[in-house]
Amino acid sequence: MKITDNYDAVVVLGKEPKPDRNGEWKFESQILDCLETAATTLRAGKVKKIIVSGHSAPSVTATQPWAEADEMARILRDEHGVADADILREDKSHDTIENLFFTKTRFCEPNNFRKILFIVADWRVMRLYYLVAKIFGADYDVDIYGVASEEDPKIQNEIRAFMYTTAWLSDLTPGDDAWLPENSAQTFSDLCTRQELGEPILVKVRQPF
């Protein structure tokens, strides 16, 4: 797939970094590849803004030295020459559902961004298509570009995440911004960390949206 259309914004979703043997926190190569693709798309004049989305995964919030969005913005600026004015930072989210919800409500709606391109690792595409349809709704024209990932993802975890995501969001009318905050007792993070694959239904643990 080649990126040939023009877009209001391109979105890169964060993924939890890991410390190397020297204790320096770094993203996996899939995130770096997504950022490079986003920068190339901007330079080609195909997009107006780059939105980087993510604060930290719940499991690493206490120790991670920076918000994912801040580090992605730094990489775009320092390594790819992207101007700060062309980068929008969504730094509140802790999981994929929040990535999309806050990207939509904090940036796409206020700026009237209606044609959106997500650039993600290829193994994230299937679940993201479902989430975009549910959270963004029919008022948005969204494409997803999958970047080949060198990492061998934990496919079982992705299947589990997709299973619980679809179960939880089954009552969400596509594009309804009010539903997610009202139902935040059952967050994606909660479903993925507190349930084992094969268990039938959901656990409700309050985690403010």
N, C-alpha and C. Protein backbone atom coordinates (compact mmCIF):
# COMPACT_ATOMS: atom_id res chain seq x y z
N MET A 1 0.84 -1.20 0.00
CA MET A 1 0.00 0.00 0.00
C MET A 1 0.87 1.25 0.00
N LYS A 2 0.58 2.18 -0.89
CA LYS A 2 1.26 3.46 -0.92
C LYS A 2 0.32 4.53 -0.40
N ILE A 3 0.90 5.52 0.27
CA ILE A 3 0.10 6.62 0.79
C ILE A 3 -0.02 7.65 -0.33
N THR A 4 -1.17 7.68 -0.98
CA THR A 4 -1.37 8.55 -2.13
C THR A 4 -2.38 9.66 -1.87
N ASP A 5 -3.30 9.47 -0.93
CA ASP A 5 -4.31 10.49 -0.64
C ASP A 5 -3.73 11.60 0.23
N ASN A 6 -4.47 12.67 0.34
CA ASN A 6 -4.14 13.75 1.27
C ASN A 6 -5.00 13.63 2.51
N TYR A 7 -4.44 13.98 3.67
CA TYR A 7 -5.13 13.81 4.95
C TYR A 7 -5.01 15.08 5.79
N ASP A 8 -6.00 15.26 6.65
CA ASP A 8 -5.93 16.36 7.61
C ASP A 8 -4.86 16.08 8.67
N ALA A 9 -4.77 14.83 9.09
CA ALA A 9 -3.80 14.47 10.13
C ALA A 9 -3.40 13.02 9.98
N VAL A 10 -2.17 12.74 10.38
CA VAL A 10 -1.69 11.37 10.50
C VAL A 10 -1.45 11.11 11.98
N VAL A 11 -1.83 9.93 12.45
CA VAL A 11 -1.74 9.59 13.87
C VAL A 11 -0.79 8.43 14.06
N VAL A 12 0.14 8.59 15.00
CA VAL A 12 1.02 7.49 15.41
C VAL A 12 0.71 7.18 16.87
N LEU A 13 0.35 5.94 17.14
CA LEU A 13 0.03 5.50 18.49
C LEU A 13 1.29 4.99 19.19
N GLY A 14 1.45 5.36 20.44
CA GLY A 14 2.60 4.90 21.20
C GLY A 14 2.47 3.44 21.62
N LYS A 15 3.58 2.92 22.09
CA LYS A 15 3.63 1.57 22.66
C LYS A 15 4.70 1.61 23.74
N GLU A 16 4.46 0.90 24.83
CA GLU A 16 5.35 1.05 25.98
C GLU A 16 6.81 0.78 25.59
N PRO A 17 7.72 1.68 25.98
CA PRO A 17 9.15 1.47 25.74
C PRO A 17 9.71 0.49 26.76
N LYS A 18 10.95 0.13 26.55
CA LYS A 18 11.61 -0.78 27.48
C LYS A 18 13.03 -0.27 27.75
N PRO A 19 13.53 -0.47 28.96
CA PRO A 19 14.92 -0.07 29.24
C PRO A 19 15.89 -1.07 28.63
N ASP A 20 16.97 -0.56 28.05
CA ASP A 20 17.99 -1.46 27.53
C ASP A 20 18.93 -1.87 28.65
N ARG A 21 20.02 -2.55 28.33
CA ARG A 21 20.92 -3.08 29.36
C ARG A 21 21.60 -1.98 30.16
N ASN A 22 21.61 -0.77 29.60
CA ASN A 22 22.19 0.37 30.31
C ASN A 22 21.15 1.19 31.07
N GLY A 23 19.92 0.71 31.04
CA GLY A 23 18.85 1.39 31.75
C GLY A 23 18.23 2.54 30.98
N GLU A 24 18.57 2.70 29.70
CA GLU A 24 18.01 3.77 28.89
C GLU A 24 16.71 3.29 28.24
N TRP A 25 15.65 4.05 28.43
CA TRP A 25 14.34 3.66 27.91
C TRP A 25 14.25 3.99 26.42
N LYS A 26 13.81 3.00 25.63
CA LYS A 26 13.73 3.18 24.18
C LYS A 26 12.48 2.49 23.63
N PHE A 27 11.98 3.04 22.52
CA PHE A 27 10.89 2.40 21.79
C PHE A 27 11.41 1.23 20.98
N GLU A 28 10.53 0.28 20.72
CA GLU A 28 10.84 -0.78 19.77
C GLU A 28 10.90 -0.18 18.37
N SER A 29 11.51 -0.91 17.46
CA SER A 29 11.73 -0.38 16.11
C SER A 29 10.43 -0.10 15.38
N GLN A 30 9.35 -0.81 15.74
CA GLN A 30 8.09 -0.57 15.03
C GLN A 30 7.62 0.86 15.21
N ILE A 31 7.81 1.45 16.40
CA ILE A 31 7.40 2.82 16.64
C ILE A 31 8.30 3.78 15.85
N LEU A 32 9.58 3.50 15.82
CA LEU A 32 10.51 4.34 15.06
C LEU A 32 10.17 4.31 13.57
N ASP A 33 9.79 3.14 13.06
CA ASP A 33 9.41 3.01 11.65
C ASP A 33 8.13 3.78 11.36
N CYS A 34 7.17 3.74 12.29
CA CYS A 34 5.92 4.50 12.11
C CYS A 34 6.20 6.00 12.09
N LEU A 35 7.06 6.45 12.97
CA LEU A 35 7.40 7.88 13.02
C LEU A 35 8.10 8.32 11.73
N GLU A 36 9.01 7.49 11.23
CA GLU A 36 9.69 7.82 9.98
C GLU A 36 8.70 7.92 8.83
N THR A 37 7.74 6.98 8.78
CA THR A 37 6.72 7.02 7.73
C THR A 37 5.86 8.26 7.84
N ALA A 38 5.50 8.63 9.07
CA ALA A 38 4.69 9.83 9.28
C ALA A 38 5.44 11.08 8.83
N ALA A 39 6.72 11.18 9.17
CA ALA A 39 7.52 12.33 8.76
C ALA A 39 7.66 12.40 7.25
N THR A 40 7.85 11.26 6.61
CA THR A 40 7.94 11.22 5.15
C THR A 40 6.65 11.68 4.50
N THR A 41 5.52 11.26 5.09
CA THR A 41 4.21 11.65 4.57
C THR A 41 4.00 13.16 4.70
N LEU A 42 4.45 13.73 5.81
CA LEU A 42 4.34 15.18 6.00
C LEU A 42 5.21 15.93 4.99
N ARG A 43 6.43 15.48 4.81
CA ARG A 43 7.34 16.15 3.87
C ARG A 43 6.81 16.08 2.43
N ALA A 44 6.08 15.02 2.13
CA ALA A 44 5.52 14.86 0.79
C ALA A 44 4.28 15.73 0.57
N GLY A 45 3.86 16.44 1.60
CA GLY A 45 2.70 17.31 1.49
C GLY A 45 1.38 16.58 1.51
N LYS A 46 1.37 15.36 2.04
CA LYS A 46 0.16 14.55 2.06
C LYS A 46 -0.68 14.74 3.32
N VAL A 47 -0.14 15.47 4.30
CA VAL A 47 -0.83 15.60 5.58
C VAL A 47 -0.51 16.96 6.19
N LYS A 48 -1.48 17.51 6.96
CA LYS A 48 -1.29 18.83 7.56
C LYS A 48 -0.57 18.75 8.91
N LYS A 49 -0.92 17.76 9.72
CA LYS A 49 -0.38 17.66 11.07
C LYS A 49 -0.08 16.19 11.39
N ILE A 50 0.87 15.99 12.30
CA ILE A 50 1.14 14.67 12.87
C ILE A 50 0.68 14.68 14.32
N ILE A 51 -0.19 13.74 14.67
CA ILE A 51 -0.63 13.58 16.06
C ILE A 51 0.08 12.37 16.65
N VAL A 52 0.80 12.58 17.74
CA VAL A 52 1.43 11.46 18.45
C VAL A 52 0.62 11.23 19.72
N SER A 53 0.28 9.98 19.99
CA SER A 53 -0.69 9.69 21.04
C SER A 53 -0.16 8.65 22.02
N GLY A 54 -0.20 9.01 23.31
CA GLY A 54 0.15 8.06 24.36
C GLY A 54 0.87 8.71 25.51
N HIS A 55 0.50 8.31 26.71
CA HIS A 55 1.26 8.71 27.90
C HIS A 55 2.12 7.54 28.36
N SER A 56 1.50 6.48 28.84
CA SER A 56 2.23 5.29 29.27
C SER A 56 1.24 4.17 29.49
N ALA A 57 1.72 2.94 29.37
CA ALA A 57 0.89 1.79 29.70
C ALA A 57 0.75 1.71 31.21
N PRO A 58 -0.38 1.20 31.72
CA PRO A 58 -0.58 1.13 33.17
C PRO A 58 0.53 0.40 33.91
N SER A 59 1.15 -0.56 33.26
CA SER A 59 2.16 -1.37 33.94
C SER A 59 3.48 -0.64 34.15
N VAL A 60 3.71 0.45 33.41
CA VAL A 60 5.00 1.13 33.51
C VAL A 60 4.88 2.59 33.91
N THR A 61 3.69 3.03 34.28
CA THR A 61 3.48 4.45 34.57
C THR A 61 4.44 4.97 35.63
N ALA A 62 4.72 4.19 36.66
CA ALA A 62 5.51 4.69 37.79
C ALA A 62 6.98 4.86 37.47
N THR A 63 7.50 4.14 36.49
CA THR A 63 8.95 4.15 36.25
C THR A 63 9.34 4.77 34.92
N GLN A 64 8.45 4.87 33.98
CA GLN A 64 8.78 5.41 32.66
C GLN A 64 9.18 6.88 32.79
N PRO A 65 10.32 7.30 32.21
CA PRO A 65 10.84 8.65 32.47
C PRO A 65 10.18 9.75 31.66
N TRP A 66 9.39 9.41 30.66
CA TRP A 66 8.73 10.43 29.84
C TRP A 66 7.43 9.88 29.26
N ALA A 67 6.54 10.79 28.90
CA ALA A 67 5.32 10.39 28.21
C ALA A 67 5.67 9.97 26.78
N GLU A 68 5.01 8.93 26.31
CA GLU A 68 5.29 8.43 24.96
C GLU A 68 5.14 9.53 23.92
N ALA A 69 4.10 10.36 24.05
CA ALA A 69 3.87 11.42 23.06
C ALA A 69 5.04 12.41 23.04
N ASP A 70 5.57 12.73 24.21
CA ASP A 70 6.68 13.68 24.27
C ASP A 70 7.93 13.12 23.60
N GLU A 71 8.21 11.84 23.83
CA GLU A 71 9.40 11.25 23.22
C GLU A 71 9.22 11.09 21.71
N MET A 72 8.02 10.71 21.27
CA MET A 72 7.78 10.61 19.84
C MET A 72 7.92 11.97 19.16
N ALA A 73 7.42 13.01 19.84
CA ALA A 73 7.57 14.36 19.29
C ALA A 73 9.05 14.75 19.20
N ARG A 74 9.83 14.38 20.21
CA ARG A 74 11.26 14.70 20.19
C ARG A 74 11.94 14.00 19.02
N ILE A 75 11.61 12.74 18.79
CA ILE A 75 12.21 11.99 17.69
C ILE A 75 11.84 12.62 16.35
N LEU A 76 10.58 13.00 16.19
CA LEU A 76 10.16 13.65 14.95
C LEU A 76 10.94 14.94 14.73
N ARG A 77 11.12 15.70 15.78
CA ARG A 77 11.81 16.99 15.67
C ARG A 77 13.31 16.81 15.46
N ASP A 78 13.95 16.02 16.33
CA ASP A 78 15.41 15.94 16.33
C ASP A 78 15.97 15.03 15.25
N GLU A 79 15.25 13.97 14.91
CA GLU A 79 15.78 12.99 13.97
C GLU A 79 15.19 13.11 12.57
N HIS A 80 14.05 13.78 12.45
CA HIS A 80 13.40 13.87 11.14
C HIS A 80 13.12 15.31 10.72
N GLY A 81 13.49 16.27 11.55
CA GLY A 81 13.36 17.66 11.17
C GLY A 81 11.95 18.20 11.10
N VAL A 82 11.02 17.56 11.79
CA VAL A 82 9.63 18.04 11.79
C VAL A 82 9.50 19.21 12.76
N ALA A 83 8.87 20.27 12.32
CA ALA A 83 8.70 21.46 13.16
C ALA A 83 7.70 21.18 14.28
N ASP A 84 7.95 21.78 15.44
CA ASP A 84 7.03 21.61 16.56
C ASP A 84 5.61 22.02 16.19
N ALA A 85 5.48 23.03 15.35
CA ALA A 85 4.16 23.52 14.97
C ALA A 85 3.35 22.48 14.19
N ASP A 86 4.04 21.49 13.63
CA ASP A 86 3.36 20.45 12.84
C ASP A 86 3.05 19.20 13.67
N ILE A 87 3.36 19.23 14.97
CA ILE A 87 3.16 18.07 15.84
C ILE A 87 2.14 18.41 16.92
N LEU A 88 1.15 17.55 17.07
CA LEU A 88 0.16 17.66 18.14
C LEU A 88 0.36 16.48 19.08
N ARG A 89 0.39 16.75 20.39
CA ARG A 89 0.70 15.71 21.37
C ARG A 89 -0.53 15.36 22.20
N GLU A 90 -0.95 14.11 22.10
CA GLU A 90 -2.01 13.59 22.96
C GLU A 90 -1.31 12.79 24.04
N ASP A 91 -1.20 13.34 25.25
CA ASP A 91 -0.36 12.74 26.29
C ASP A 91 -1.15 12.31 27.52
N LYS A 92 -2.41 11.97 27.33
CA LYS A 92 -3.26 11.59 28.46
C LYS A 92 -3.58 10.09 28.48
N SER A 93 -3.47 9.42 27.36
CA SER A 93 -3.99 8.06 27.23
C SER A 93 -3.05 6.99 27.78
N HIS A 94 -3.67 5.89 28.24
CA HIS A 94 -2.93 4.76 28.79
C HIS A 94 -3.24 3.44 28.07
N ASP A 95 -4.09 3.48 27.07
CA ASP A 95 -4.39 2.27 26.29
C ASP A 95 -4.94 2.70 24.94
N THR A 96 -5.21 1.73 24.07
CA THR A 96 -5.58 2.05 22.69
C THR A 96 -6.92 2.75 22.60
N ILE A 97 -7.87 2.35 23.42
CA ILE A 97 -9.18 3.01 23.40
C ILE A 97 -9.03 4.47 23.78
N GLU A 98 -8.26 4.75 24.83
CA GLU A 98 -8.04 6.14 25.21
C GLU A 98 -7.24 6.88 24.14
N ASN A 99 -6.27 6.22 23.50
CA ASN A 99 -5.56 6.83 22.37
C ASN A 99 -6.55 7.43 21.37
N LEU A 100 -7.51 6.61 20.96
CA LEU A 100 -8.44 7.04 19.92
C LEU A 100 -9.42 8.08 20.45
N PHE A 101 -9.95 7.86 21.64
CA PHE A 101 -10.94 8.78 22.20
C PHE A 101 -10.35 10.18 22.38
N PHE A 102 -9.18 10.27 22.99
CA PHE A 102 -8.59 11.59 23.24
C PHE A 102 -8.06 12.23 21.96
N THR A 103 -7.56 11.43 21.03
CA THR A 103 -7.15 11.98 19.73
C THR A 103 -8.35 12.61 19.03
N LYS A 104 -9.46 11.91 19.06
CA LYS A 104 -10.68 12.43 18.42
C LYS A 104 -11.19 13.69 19.10
N THR A 105 -11.37 13.62 20.43
CA THR A 105 -12.05 14.71 21.14
C THR A 105 -11.16 15.91 21.40
N ARG A 106 -9.84 15.70 21.53
CA ARG A 106 -8.94 16.82 21.84
C ARG A 106 -8.36 17.48 20.59
N PHE A 107 -8.33 16.75 19.46
CA PHE A 107 -7.67 17.31 18.28
C PHE A 107 -8.53 17.25 17.02
N CYS A 108 -9.11 16.10 16.72
CA CYS A 108 -9.85 15.98 15.46
C CYS A 108 -11.13 16.82 15.47
N GLU A 109 -11.91 16.72 16.52
CA GLU A 109 -13.15 17.50 16.58
C GLU A 109 -12.88 19.01 16.63
N PRO A 110 -12.01 19.51 17.52
CA PRO A 110 -11.80 20.96 17.58
C PRO A 110 -11.21 21.56 16.30
N ASN A 111 -10.39 20.78 15.59
CA ASN A 111 -9.72 21.28 14.39
C ASN A 111 -10.42 20.89 13.09
N ASN A 112 -11.56 20.23 13.23
CA ASN A 112 -12.32 19.75 12.06
C ASN A 112 -11.48 18.86 11.15
N PHE A 113 -10.63 18.02 11.78
CA PHE A 113 -9.91 17.01 11.02
C PHE A 113 -10.88 15.86 10.74
N ARG A 114 -11.20 15.62 9.50
CA ARG A 114 -12.17 14.59 9.15
C ARG A 114 -11.56 13.44 8.36
N LYS A 115 -10.46 13.70 7.68
CA LYS A 115 -9.79 12.63 6.93
C LYS A 115 -8.49 12.32 7.65
N ILE A 116 -8.43 11.12 8.22
CA ILE A 116 -7.35 10.76 9.15
C ILE A 116 -6.63 9.51 8.64
N LEU A 117 -5.32 9.50 8.83
CA LEU A 117 -4.51 8.32 8.52
C LEU A 117 -3.81 7.85 9.79
N PHE A 118 -4.03 6.61 10.17
CA PHE A 118 -3.29 5.99 11.27
C PHE A 118 -2.14 5.19 10.68
N ILE A 119 -0.96 5.35 11.27
CA ILE A 119 0.21 4.56 10.87
C ILE A 119 0.61 3.71 12.06
N VAL A 120 0.50 2.40 11.92
CA VAL A 120 0.73 1.49 13.04
C VAL A 120 1.46 0.25 12.55
N ALA A 121 2.00 -0.52 13.49
CA ALA A 121 2.59 -1.82 13.15
C ALA A 121 1.52 -2.71 12.54
N ASP A 122 1.92 -3.54 11.58
CA ASP A 122 0.95 -4.31 10.81
C ASP A 122 0.07 -5.21 11.67
N TRP A 123 0.59 -5.73 12.78
CA TRP A 123 -0.20 -6.66 13.59
C TRP A 123 -1.27 -5.95 14.42
N ARG A 124 -1.26 -4.62 14.44
CA ARG A 124 -2.27 -3.87 15.18
C ARG A 124 -3.46 -3.48 14.30
N VAL A 125 -3.37 -3.72 13.01
CA VAL A 125 -4.35 -3.17 12.07
C VAL A 125 -5.75 -3.72 12.30
N MET A 126 -5.89 -5.02 12.49
CA MET A 126 -7.23 -5.62 12.58
C MET A 126 -8.04 -5.02 13.73
N ARG A 127 -7.45 -4.97 14.93
CA ARG A 127 -8.18 -4.43 16.08
C ARG A 127 -8.42 -2.93 15.92
N LEU A 128 -7.47 -2.24 15.30
CA LEU A 128 -7.63 -0.80 15.14
C LEU A 128 -8.79 -0.47 14.20
N TYR A 129 -8.99 -1.25 13.16
CA TYR A 129 -10.14 -1.02 12.28
C TYR A 129 -11.44 -1.07 13.07
N TYR A 130 -11.56 -2.05 13.95
CA TYR A 130 -12.77 -2.16 14.76
C TYR A 130 -12.91 -0.96 15.69
N LEU A 131 -11.83 -0.58 16.36
CA LEU A 131 -11.89 0.53 17.31
C LEU A 131 -12.19 1.86 16.63
N VAL A 132 -11.59 2.09 15.48
CA VAL A 132 -11.84 3.33 14.75
C VAL A 132 -13.31 3.42 14.35
N ALA A 133 -13.87 2.32 13.85
CA ALA A 133 -15.27 2.33 13.46
C ALA A 133 -16.18 2.65 14.65
N LYS A 134 -15.85 2.10 15.82
CA LYS A 134 -16.67 2.31 17.01
C LYS A 134 -16.49 3.71 17.59
N ILE A 135 -15.26 4.16 17.73
CA ILE A 135 -14.99 5.40 18.46
C ILE A 135 -15.12 6.63 17.57
N PHE A 136 -14.63 6.57 16.34
CA PHE A 136 -14.73 7.73 15.45
C PHE A 136 -16.10 7.81 14.78
N GLY A 137 -16.67 6.69 14.38
CA GLY A 137 -17.98 6.69 13.75
C GLY A 137 -17.93 7.08 12.28
N ALA A 138 -19.12 7.22 11.71
CA ALA A 138 -19.24 7.39 10.26
C ALA A 138 -18.92 8.79 9.77
N ASP A 139 -18.76 9.75 10.67
CA ASP A 139 -18.47 11.13 10.25
C ASP A 139 -17.03 11.33 9.83
N TYR A 140 -16.20 10.32 10.02
CA TYR A 140 -14.78 10.44 9.71
C TYR A 140 -14.40 9.47 8.58
N ASP A 141 -13.47 9.93 7.76
CA ASP A 141 -12.90 9.11 6.70
C ASP A 141 -11.51 8.69 7.16
N VAL A 142 -11.37 7.44 7.57
CA VAL A 142 -10.14 6.98 8.22
C VAL A 142 -9.50 5.85 7.41
N ASP A 143 -8.21 5.98 7.18
CA ASP A 143 -7.42 4.90 6.59
C ASP A 143 -6.38 4.45 7.61
N ILE A 144 -5.93 3.21 7.48
CA ILE A 144 -4.91 2.66 8.36
C ILE A 144 -3.80 2.08 7.51
N TYR A 145 -2.59 2.52 7.78
CA TYR A 145 -1.41 2.05 7.05
C TYR A 145 -0.58 1.19 7.99
N GLY A 146 -0.40 -0.08 7.62
CA GLY A 146 0.36 -1.00 8.45
C GLY A 146 1.83 -1.04 8.05
N VAL A 147 2.71 -0.74 9.00
CA VAL A 147 4.15 -0.79 8.77
C VAL A 147 4.66 -2.16 9.20
N ALA A 148 5.43 -2.81 8.35
CA ALA A 148 5.96 -4.14 8.68
C ALA A 148 6.77 -4.07 9.97
N SER A 149 6.50 -4.99 10.89
CA SER A 149 7.15 -4.99 12.20
C SER A 149 8.15 -6.12 12.28
N GLU A 150 9.36 -5.78 12.75
CA GLU A 150 10.38 -6.80 12.93
C GLU A 150 10.13 -7.63 14.18
N GLU A 151 9.45 -7.02 15.18
CA GLU A 151 9.19 -7.75 16.41
C GLU A 151 8.18 -8.86 16.18
N ASP A 152 8.34 -9.94 16.93
CA ASP A 152 7.35 -11.02 16.92
C ASP A 152 6.33 -10.71 18.02
N PRO A 153 5.19 -10.14 17.67
CA PRO A 153 4.24 -9.70 18.70
C PRO A 153 3.66 -10.89 19.45
N LYS A 154 3.19 -10.62 20.65
CA LYS A 154 2.52 -11.65 21.42
C LYS A 154 1.09 -11.78 20.89
N ILE A 155 0.95 -12.58 19.86
CA ILE A 155 -0.31 -12.68 19.15
C ILE A 155 -1.44 -13.07 20.10
N GLN A 156 -1.14 -13.94 21.06
CA GLN A 156 -2.18 -14.37 22.00
C GLN A 156 -2.71 -13.18 22.79
N ASN A 157 -1.84 -12.26 23.18
CA ASN A 157 -2.29 -11.07 23.89
C ASN A 157 -3.16 -10.19 23.00
N GLU A 158 -2.80 -10.08 21.72
CA GLU A 158 -3.59 -9.26 20.80
C GLU A 158 -4.97 -9.88 20.59
N ILE A 159 -5.03 -11.20 20.50
CA ILE A 159 -6.32 -11.88 20.37
C ILE A 159 -7.17 -11.64 21.61
N ARG A 160 -6.55 -11.73 22.77
CA ARG A 160 -7.28 -11.50 24.01
C ARG A 160 -7.78 -10.06 24.10
N ALA A 161 -6.92 -9.11 23.71
CA ALA A 161 -7.32 -7.71 23.74
C ALA A 161 -8.48 -7.47 22.79
N PHE A 162 -8.43 -8.07 21.61
CA PHE A 162 -9.51 -7.90 20.64
C PHE A 162 -10.81 -8.49 21.18
N MET A 163 -10.72 -9.65 21.82
CA MET A 163 -11.90 -10.31 22.35
C MET A 163 -12.59 -9.46 23.41
N TYR A 164 -11.81 -8.95 24.37
CA TYR A 164 -12.41 -8.17 25.44
C TYR A 164 -12.85 -6.79 24.94
N THR A 165 -12.12 -6.25 23.99
CA THR A 165 -12.51 -4.96 23.43
C THR A 165 -13.88 -5.04 22.77
N THR A 166 -14.06 -6.04 21.93
CA THR A 166 -15.34 -6.16 21.24
C THR A 166 -16.48 -6.45 22.21
N ALA A 167 -16.19 -7.22 23.27
CA ALA A 167 -17.23 -7.50 24.26
C ALA A 167 -17.65 -6.23 24.99
N TRP A 168 -16.67 -5.44 25.40
CA TRP A 168 -16.97 -4.23 26.17
C TRP A 168 -17.66 -3.18 25.32
N LEU A 169 -17.21 -3.00 24.07
CA LEU A 169 -17.73 -1.93 23.23
C LEU A 169 -18.98 -2.32 22.45
N SER A 170 -19.51 -3.50 22.71
CA SER A 170 -20.67 -3.95 21.93
C SER A 170 -21.87 -3.02 22.08
N ASP A 171 -21.99 -2.34 23.22
CA ASP A 171 -23.12 -1.44 23.44
C ASP A 171 -22.86 -0.01 22.98
N LEU A 172 -21.67 0.27 22.52
CA LEU A 172 -21.32 1.62 22.07
C LEU A 172 -21.88 1.89 20.69
N THR A 173 -22.72 2.92 20.57
CA THR A 173 -23.16 3.38 19.26
C THR A 173 -21.98 4.07 18.59
N PRO A 174 -21.62 3.70 17.37
CA PRO A 174 -20.44 4.28 16.73
C PRO A 174 -20.45 5.81 16.77
N GLY A 175 -19.34 6.37 17.24
CA GLY A 175 -19.18 7.81 17.27
C GLY A 175 -19.75 8.51 18.49
N ASP A 176 -20.30 7.78 19.45
CA ASP A 176 -20.91 8.38 20.63
C ASP A 176 -19.83 8.76 21.64
N ASP A 177 -19.52 10.06 21.74
CA ASP A 177 -18.45 10.51 22.64
C ASP A 177 -18.84 10.41 24.11
N ALA A 178 -20.12 10.37 24.42
CA ALA A 178 -20.55 10.36 25.82
C ALA A 178 -20.45 8.98 26.45
N TRP A 179 -20.49 7.92 25.66
CA TRP A 179 -20.58 6.56 26.21
C TRP A 179 -19.32 6.16 26.95
N LEU A 180 -18.14 6.44 26.40
CA LEU A 180 -16.91 5.94 27.00
C LEU A 180 -16.66 6.52 28.40
N PRO A 181 -16.72 7.84 28.59
CA PRO A 181 -16.53 8.34 29.96
C PRO A 181 -17.57 7.81 30.94
N GLU A 182 -18.79 7.64 30.49
CA GLU A 182 -19.85 7.14 31.38
C GLU A 182 -19.64 5.69 31.77
N ASN A 183 -18.93 4.94 30.95
CA ASN A 183 -18.71 3.52 31.21
C ASN A 183 -17.26 3.21 31.53
N SER A 184 -16.56 4.18 32.11
CA SER A 184 -15.12 4.04 32.30
C SER A 184 -14.74 3.07 33.41
N ALA A 185 -15.70 2.54 34.15
CA ALA A 185 -15.37 1.53 35.15
C ALA A 185 -14.81 0.28 34.51
N GLN A 186 -15.17 0.04 33.26
CA GLN A 186 -14.66 -1.12 32.54
C GLN A 186 -13.71 -0.62 31.45
N THR A 187 -12.48 -0.37 31.80
CA THR A 187 -11.54 0.12 30.80
C THR A 187 -10.86 -1.03 30.07
N PHE A 188 -10.33 -0.71 28.93
CA PHE A 188 -9.59 -1.70 28.16
C PHE A 188 -8.44 -2.28 28.98
N SER A 189 -7.72 -1.42 29.68
CA SER A 189 -6.59 -1.89 30.48
C SER A 189 -7.05 -2.89 31.52
N ASP A 190 -8.17 -2.60 32.17
CA ASP A 190 -8.70 -3.48 33.19
C ASP A 190 -9.06 -4.84 32.60
N LEU A 191 -9.70 -4.82 31.45
CA LEU A 191 -10.12 -6.07 30.84
C LEU A 191 -8.93 -6.94 30.46
N CYS A 192 -7.88 -6.30 29.96
CA CYS A 192 -6.73 -7.07 29.48
C CYS A 192 -5.85 -7.57 30.62
N THR A 193 -5.77 -6.84 31.72
CA THR A 193 -4.85 -7.23 32.78
C THR A 193 -5.50 -8.13 33.83
N ARG A 194 -6.83 -8.10 33.95
CA ARG A 194 -7.49 -8.82 35.02
C ARG A 194 -8.23 -10.06 34.54
N GLN A 195 -8.27 -10.30 33.25
CA GLN A 195 -8.99 -11.46 32.73
C GLN A 195 -8.01 -12.42 32.04
N GLU A 196 -8.32 -13.67 32.11
CA GLU A 196 -7.55 -14.68 31.38
C GLU A 196 -8.32 -15.09 30.14
N LEU A 197 -7.60 -15.40 29.08
CA LEU A 197 -8.24 -15.81 27.84
C LEU A 197 -9.19 -16.98 28.09
N GLY A 198 -10.40 -16.83 27.61
CA GLY A 198 -11.38 -17.90 27.76
C GLY A 198 -12.41 -17.64 28.84
N GLU A 199 -12.14 -16.73 29.76
CA GLU A 199 -13.15 -16.42 30.76
C GLU A 199 -14.30 -15.67 30.09
N PRO A 200 -15.52 -15.87 30.57
CA PRO A 200 -16.68 -15.49 29.79
C PRO A 200 -17.05 -14.02 29.78
N ILE A 201 -16.81 -13.27 30.84
CA ILE A 201 -17.37 -11.92 30.87
C ILE A 201 -16.40 -11.00 31.62
N LEU A 202 -16.80 -9.80 31.95
CA LEU A 202 -15.90 -8.74 32.34
C LEU A 202 -15.90 -8.47 33.83
N VAL A 203 -14.79 -7.91 34.29
CA VAL A 203 -14.66 -7.47 35.68
C VAL A 203 -14.74 -5.95 35.69
N LYS A 204 -15.49 -5.38 36.65
CA LYS A 204 -15.61 -3.94 36.76
C LYS A 204 -14.75 -3.44 37.91
N VAL A 205 -13.71 -2.69 37.58
CA VAL A 205 -12.86 -2.06 38.58
C VAL A 205 -12.73 -0.60 38.20
N ARG A 206 -13.07 0.28 39.13
CA ARG A 206 -13.11 1.71 38.78
C ARG A 206 -11.73 2.24 38.41
N GLN A 207 -11.64 2.84 37.25
CA GLN A 207 -10.43 3.52 36.81
C GLN A 207 -10.90 4.76 36.05
N PRO A 208 -10.81 5.94 36.65
CA PRO A 208 -11.37 7.14 36.03
C PRO A 208 -10.88 7.35 34.61
N PHE A 209 -11.77 7.74 33.74
CA PHE A 209 -11.45 7.96 32.33
C PHE A 209 -10.79 9.31 32.17
